[in-house]
Amino acid sequence: MKILFLVYHGLSNYSGISKKILEQVKGLEENGHEVHLCTYIVEENGHRKRIIDNQEIEDLGTGIMAKLKKDVAIVPYWAI
């Protein structure tokens, strides 16, 4: 089974929530599933980006429209 695990914030080494998410991904993989982790980050310059498996797939830009785009469906990348 292919799984896209969506996270609407960046992951941090210091966050308990991030550690829990990564353990869930690991558990799914250990049970035979193909898991792709999609995170959402805001860079220092204000650009909002969607990342899948540490690869940038979409730069949503800056400002209010970028904030709204984050809730729109994943780009047509999901042909993994």
C-alpha atoms as a PDB file:
ATOM      1  CA  MET A   1       0.000   0.000   0.000  1.00  0.00           C
ATOM      2  CA  LYS A   2       1.234   3.502  -0.810  1.00  0.00           C
ATOM      3  CA  ILE A   3       0.726   6.095   1.919  1.00  0.00           C
ATOM      4  CA  LEU A   4       1.159   9.870   1.734  1.00  0.00           C
ATOM      5  CA  PHE A   5       1.598  11.143   5.304  1.00  0.00           C
ATOM      6  CA  LEU A   6       0.686  14.856   5.364  1.00  0.00           C
ATOM      7  CA  VAL A   7       2.118  17.118   8.050  1.00  0.00           C
ATOM      8  CA  TYR A   8       1.152  20.804   8.065  1.00  0.00           C
ATOM      9  CA  HIS A   9       4.331  22.016   9.739  1.00  0.00           C
ATOM     10  CA  GLY A  10       8.053  21.328   9.523  1.00  0.00           C
ATOM     11  CA  LEU A  11       9.674  18.604  11.571  1.00  0.00           C
ATOM     12  CA  SER A  12      12.132  19.332  14.349  1.00  0.00           C
ATOM     13  CA  ASN A  13      14.637  17.154  16.184  1.00  0.00           C
ATOM     14  CA  TYR A  14      13.491  18.733  19.454  1.00  0.00           C
ATOM     15  CA  SER A  15       9.749  18.276  19.059  1.00  0.00           C
ATOM     16  CA  GLY A  16       7.960  15.352  20.670  1.00  0.00           C
ATOM     17  CA  ILE A  17       5.268  15.613  18.001  1.00  0.00           C
ATOM     18  CA  SER A  18       7.883  15.312  15.247  1.00  0.00           C
ATOM     19  CA  LYS A  19       9.415  12.280  16.929  1.00  0.00           C
ATOM     20  CA  LYS A  20       5.979  10.656  17.170  1.00  0.00           C
ATOM     21  CA  ILE A  21       5.278  11.309  13.476  1.00  0.00           C
ATOM     22  CA  LEU A  22       8.622   9.828  12.426  1.00  0.00           C
ATOM     23  CA  GLU A  23       7.993   6.750  14.598  1.00  0.00           C
ATOM     24  CA  GLN A  24       4.575   6.303  12.962  1.00  0.00           C
ATOM     25  CA  VAL A  25       6.155   6.483   9.506  1.00  0.00           C
ATOM     26  CA  LYS A  26       8.811   3.965  10.585  1.00  0.00           C
ATOM     27  CA  GLY A  27       6.131   1.617  11.947  1.00  0.00           C
ATOM     28  CA  LEU A  28       4.142   1.751   8.721  1.00  0.00           C
ATOM     29  CA  GLU A  29       7.265   1.021   6.683  1.00  0.00           C
ATOM     30  CA  GLU A  30       8.198  -1.886   8.937  1.00  0.00           C
ATOM     31  CA  ASN A  31       4.755  -3.340   8.221  1.00  0.00           C
ATOM     32  CA  GLY A  32       5.403  -3.380   4.492  1.00  0.00           C
ATOM     33  CA  HIS A  33       3.883  -0.081   3.380  1.00  0.00           C
ATOM     34  CA  GLU A  34       5.508   2.463   1.058  1.00  0.00           C
ATOM     35  CA  VAL A  35       5.332   5.742   2.991  1.00  0.00           C
ATOM     36  CA  HIS A  36       6.097   9.233   1.668  1.00  0.00           C
ATOM     37  CA  LEU A  37       6.263  12.092   4.179  1.00  0.00           C
ATOM     38  CA  CYS A  38       4.945  15.464   3.001  1.00  0.00           C
ATOM     39  CA  THR A  39       5.843  18.454   5.185  1.00  0.00           C
ATOM     40  CA  TYR A  40       5.081  22.160   4.923  1.00  0.00           C
ATOM     41  CA  ILE A  41       7.706  24.771   5.765  1.00  0.00           C
ATOM     42  CA  VAL A  42       7.934  28.550   5.885  1.00  0.00           C
ATOM     43  CA  GLU A  43      11.418  29.797   5.067  1.00  0.00           C
ATOM     44  CA  GLU A  44      13.028  32.887   6.576  1.00  0.00           C
ATOM     45  CA  ASN A  45      12.229  34.870   3.412  1.00  0.00           C
ATOM     46  CA  GLY A  46       8.521  34.038   3.836  1.00  0.00           C
ATOM     47  CA  HIS A  47       8.285  31.463   1.055  1.00  0.00           C
ATOM     48  CA  ARG A  48       5.972  28.581   1.894  1.00  0.00           C
ATOM     49  CA  LYS A  49       7.019  25.235   0.484  1.00  0.00           C
ATOM     50  CA  ARG A  50       5.762  21.703   0.300  1.00  0.00           C
ATOM     51  CA  ILE A  51       8.401  18.996   0.689  1.00  0.00           C
ATOM     52  CA  ILE A  52       8.027  15.258   0.016  1.00  0.00           C
ATOM     53  CA  ASP A  53      10.795  12.950   1.230  1.00  0.00           C
ATOM     54  CA  ASN A  54      13.200  15.902   1.667  1.00  0.00           C
ATOM     55  CA  GLN A  55      12.622  17.070  -1.928  1.00  0.00           C
ATOM     56  CA  GLU A  56      10.910  20.394  -2.624  1.00  0.00           C
ATOM     57  CA  ILE A  57       7.927  19.782  -4.858  1.00  0.00           C
ATOM     58  CA  GLU A  58       6.148  23.112  -4.679  1.00  0.00           C
ATOM     59  CA  ASP A  59       6.964  26.704  -3.770  1.00  0.00           C
ATOM     60  CA  LEU A  60       3.642  28.293  -2.850  1.00  0.00           C
ATOM     61  CA  GLY A  61       5.130  31.781  -2.759  1.00  0.00           C
ATOM     62  CA  THR A  62       4.537  34.407  -0.086  1.00  0.00           C
ATOM     63  CA  GLY A  63       1.627  36.314   1.365  1.00  0.00           C
ATOM     64  CA  ILE A  64      -2.024  35.522   1.914  1.00  0.00           C
ATOM     65  CA  MET A  65      -2.463  33.518  -1.303  1.00  0.00           C
ATOM     66  CA  ALA A  66       0.389  31.213  -0.308  1.00  0.00           C
ATOM     67  CA  LYS A  67      -1.325  30.592   3.029  1.00  0.00           C
ATOM     68  CA  LEU A  68      -4.543  29.663   1.239  1.00  0.00           C
ATOM     69  CA  LYS A  69      -2.807  27.400  -1.290  1.00  0.00           C
ATOM     70  CA  LYS A  70      -1.467  25.177   1.481  1.00  0.00           C
ATOM     71  CA  ASP A  71      -4.953  23.766   2.033  1.00  0.00           C
ATOM     72  CA  VAL A  72      -5.479  22.936  -1.640  1.00  0.00           C
ATOM     73  CA  ALA A  73      -4.849  19.381  -2.814  1.00  0.00           C
ATOM     74  CA  ILE A  74      -1.325  18.120  -3.351  1.00  0.00           C
ATOM     75  CA  VAL A  75       0.154  19.036  -6.724  1.00  0.00           C
ATOM     76  CA  PRO A  76       0.003  16.397  -9.472  1.00  0.00           C
ATOM     77  CA  TYR A  77       3.284  14.998  -8.151  1.00  0.00           C
ATOM     78  CA  TRP A  78       1.496  12.142  -6.460  1.00  0.00           C
ATOM     79  CA  ALA A  79       2.208   9.711  -9.277  1.00  0.00           C
ATOM     80  CA  ILE A  80       4.767   7.814  -7.255  1.00  0.00           C
END
